[in-house]
């Protein structure tokens, strides 16, 4: 749940870094945040189990649980508004830059 009420002012895309000590005590990973369309003042992360770290995370949260999670952010993506308001754009990115 968002600690602040962003409402309609929340950017369409922003990102944050998370560190899950139950997966790794030294790795921070960036993920894109999206507004939760069915609940006011909520945000969701889409995390695919594609690499070693995300596969470990997925395996450890298969069942409902309470585990510590550290968050840095959110940060605005400087390209999110420009990418959807321009008539011509070329995007080259990888990792978190994809979204």
C-alpha atoms as a PDB file:
ATOM      1  CA  UNK A   1       0.000   0.000   0.000  1.00  0.00           C
ATOM      2  CA  UNK A   2       1.277   3.457  -0.821  1.00  0.00           C
ATOM      3  CA  UNK A   3       2.156   5.539   2.231  1.00  0.00           C
ATOM      4  CA  UNK A   4       1.173   8.660   0.285  1.00  0.00           C
ATOM      5  CA  UNK A   5      -2.043   9.327  -1.561  1.00  0.00           C
ATOM      6  CA  UNK A   6      -0.876   9.784  -5.123  1.00  0.00           C
ATOM      7  CA  UNK A   7      -4.302   9.298  -6.669  1.00  0.00           C
ATOM      8  CA  UNK A   8      -4.565  10.492 -10.262  1.00  0.00           C
ATOM      9  CA  UNK A   9      -1.231  12.331  -9.923  1.00  0.00           C
ATOM     10  CA  UNK A  10       0.725   9.076  -9.652  1.00  0.00           C
ATOM     11  CA  UNK A  11       2.965   8.658 -12.666  1.00  0.00           C
ATOM     12  CA  UNK A  12       2.070   5.863 -15.032  1.00  0.00           C
ATOM     13  CA  UNK A  13       5.471   4.274 -14.502  1.00  0.00           C
ATOM     14  CA  UNK A  14       8.005   4.619 -11.775  1.00  0.00           C
ATOM     15  CA  UNK A  15      10.443   2.165 -10.270  1.00  0.00           C
ATOM     16  CA  UNK A  16      11.891   1.121  -6.945  1.00  0.00           C
ATOM     17  CA  UNK A  17      14.666  -1.066  -5.628  1.00  0.00           C
ATOM     18  CA  UNK A  18      13.966  -3.968  -3.305  1.00  0.00           C
ATOM     19  CA  UNK A  19      16.267  -6.069  -1.158  1.00  0.00           C
ATOM     20  CA  UNK A  20      14.953  -9.330   0.255  1.00  0.00           C
ATOM     21  CA  UNK A  21      17.333 -10.582   2.965  1.00  0.00           C
ATOM     22  CA  UNK A  22      15.705 -14.014   2.811  1.00  0.00           C
ATOM     23  CA  UNK A  23      16.959 -14.261  -0.798  1.00  0.00           C
ATOM     24  CA  UNK A  24      20.204 -12.262  -0.610  1.00  0.00           C
ATOM     25  CA  UNK A  25      21.472  -9.837   2.020  1.00  0.00           C
ATOM     26  CA  UNK A  26      23.541  -7.865  -0.476  1.00  0.00           C
ATOM     27  CA  UNK A  27      21.535  -7.632  -3.693  1.00  0.00           C
ATOM     28  CA  UNK A  28      19.149  -4.819  -4.584  1.00  0.00           C
ATOM     29  CA  UNK A  29      16.962  -5.223  -7.671  1.00  0.00           C
ATOM     30  CA  UNK A  30      14.949  -2.615  -9.550  1.00  0.00           C
ATOM     31  CA  UNK A  31      11.335  -3.233 -10.524  1.00  0.00           C
ATOM     32  CA  UNK A  32       8.716  -1.151 -12.272  1.00  0.00           C
ATOM     33  CA  UNK A  33       5.705  -0.048 -10.240  1.00  0.00           C
ATOM     34  CA  UNK A  34       2.200   0.168 -11.651  1.00  0.00           C
ATOM     35  CA  UNK A  35      -0.967   1.639 -10.151  1.00  0.00           C
ATOM     36  CA  UNK A  36      -3.305  -1.120  -8.885  1.00  0.00           C
ATOM     37  CA  UNK A  37      -6.408  -0.588 -11.058  1.00  0.00           C
ATOM     38  CA  UNK A  38      -8.928  -2.124  -8.648  1.00  0.00           C
ATOM     39  CA  UNK A  39      -7.802  -0.566  -5.345  1.00  0.00           C
ATOM     40  CA  UNK A  40      -7.261   3.097  -4.596  1.00  0.00           C
ATOM     41  CA  UNK A  41      -3.882   4.100  -3.191  1.00  0.00           C
ATOM     42  CA  UNK A  42      -2.268   0.721  -3.986  1.00  0.00           C
ATOM     43  CA  UNK A  43       0.662  -0.149  -6.210  1.00  0.00           C
ATOM     44  CA  UNK A  44       1.776  -3.440  -7.701  1.00  0.00           C
ATOM     45  CA  UNK A  45       5.042  -4.847  -8.990  1.00  0.00           C
ATOM     46  CA  UNK A  46       5.284  -7.328 -11.822  1.00  0.00           C
ATOM     47  CA  UNK A  47       8.185  -9.671 -11.101  1.00  0.00           C
ATOM     48  CA  UNK A  48       8.857 -12.522 -13.482  1.00  0.00           C
ATOM     49  CA  UNK A  49      10.884 -15.512 -12.288  1.00  0.00           C
ATOM     50  CA  UNK A  50      13.502 -15.260 -15.030  1.00  0.00           C
ATOM     51  CA  UNK A  51      16.892 -15.053 -13.311  1.00  0.00           C
ATOM     52  CA  UNK A  52      18.511 -16.738 -10.318  1.00  0.00           C
ATOM     53  CA  UNK A  53      17.442 -14.043  -7.834  1.00  0.00           C
ATOM     54  CA  UNK A  54      13.832 -13.765  -9.022  1.00  0.00           C
ATOM     55  CA  UNK A  55      13.491 -17.562  -9.161  1.00  0.00           C
ATOM     56  CA  UNK A  56      14.670 -17.792  -5.531  1.00  0.00           C
ATOM     57  CA  UNK A  57      12.217 -15.032  -4.574  1.00  0.00           C
ATOM     58  CA  UNK A  58       9.372 -16.819  -6.347  1.00  0.00           C
ATOM     59  CA  UNK A  59      10.220 -20.128  -4.642  1.00  0.00           C
ATOM     60  CA  UNK A  60      10.267 -18.531  -1.177  1.00  0.00           C
ATOM     61  CA  UNK A  61       6.894 -16.774  -1.481  1.00  0.00           C
ATOM     62  CA  UNK A  62       4.829 -19.572  -3.044  1.00  0.00           C
ATOM     63  CA  UNK A  63       2.541 -19.576  -0.017  1.00  0.00           C
ATOM     64  CA  UNK A  64       1.267 -16.510   1.882  1.00  0.00           C
ATOM     65  CA  UNK A  65       3.908 -15.377   4.357  1.00  0.00           C
ATOM     66  CA  UNK A  66       5.368 -12.396   6.163  1.00  0.00           C
ATOM     67  CA  UNK A  67       8.995 -11.738   5.291  1.00  0.00           C
ATOM     68  CA  UNK A  68      11.159  -8.616   5.590  1.00  0.00           C
ATOM     69  CA  UNK A  69      11.598  -6.511   2.490  1.00  0.00           C
ATOM     70  CA  UNK A  70      13.591  -3.283   2.145  1.00  0.00           C
ATOM     71  CA  UNK A  71      12.525  -0.652  -0.370  1.00  0.00           C
ATOM     72  CA  UNK A  72      14.334   2.330  -1.917  1.00  0.00           C
ATOM     73  CA  UNK A  73      12.118   4.624  -3.919  1.00  0.00           C
ATOM     74  CA  UNK A  74       9.881   5.132  -5.708  1.00  0.00           C
ATOM     75  CA  UNK A  75      11.722   7.006  -8.424  1.00  0.00           C
ATOM     76  CA  UNK A  76      10.138   8.568 -11.466  1.00  0.00           C
ATOM     77  CA  UNK A  77      11.212   7.250 -14.824  1.00  0.00           C
ATOM     78  CA  UNK A  78      12.422  10.297 -16.708  1.00  0.00           C
ATOM     79  CA  UNK A  79      11.305   8.778 -20.005  1.00  0.00           C
ATOM     80  CA  UNK A  80       7.837   7.512 -19.103  1.00  0.00           C
ATOM     81  CA  UNK A  81       5.905  10.640 -20.096  1.00  0.00           C
ATOM     82  CA  UNK A  82       8.114  11.508 -23.059  1.00  0.00           C
ATOM     83  CA  UNK A  83       7.777   8.031 -24.545  1.00  0.00           C
ATOM     84  CA  UNK A  84       3.986   8.187 -24.697  1.00  0.00           C
ATOM     85  CA  UNK A  85       3.603  11.836 -25.749  1.00  0.00           C
ATOM     86  CA  UNK A  86       5.988  11.946 -28.693  1.00  0.00           C
ATOM     87  CA  UNK A  87       5.035  10.978 -32.234  1.00  0.00           C
ATOM     88  CA  UNK A  88       8.411   9.334 -32.944  1.00  0.00           C
ATOM     89  CA  UNK A  89      10.578   7.417 -30.509  1.00  0.00           C
ATOM     90  CA  UNK A  90      13.340   4.839 -30.583  1.00  0.00           C
ATOM     91  CA  UNK A  91      13.919   3.006 -27.312  1.00  0.00           C
ATOM     92  CA  UNK A  92      16.968   0.904 -26.520  1.00  0.00           C
ATOM     93  CA  UNK A  93      16.992  -0.643 -23.058  1.00  0.00           C
ATOM     94  CA  UNK A  94      17.544  -3.719 -20.961  1.00  0.00           C
ATOM     95  CA  UNK A  95      16.551  -4.843 -17.490  1.00  0.00           C
ATOM     96  CA  UNK A  96      14.460  -2.278 -15.644  1.00  0.00           C
ATOM     97  CA  UNK A  97      14.835   0.071 -18.615  1.00  0.00           C
ATOM     98  CA  UNK A  98      12.422  -2.073 -20.640  1.00  0.00           C
ATOM     99  CA  UNK A  99       9.450  -0.681 -18.736  1.00  0.00           C
END
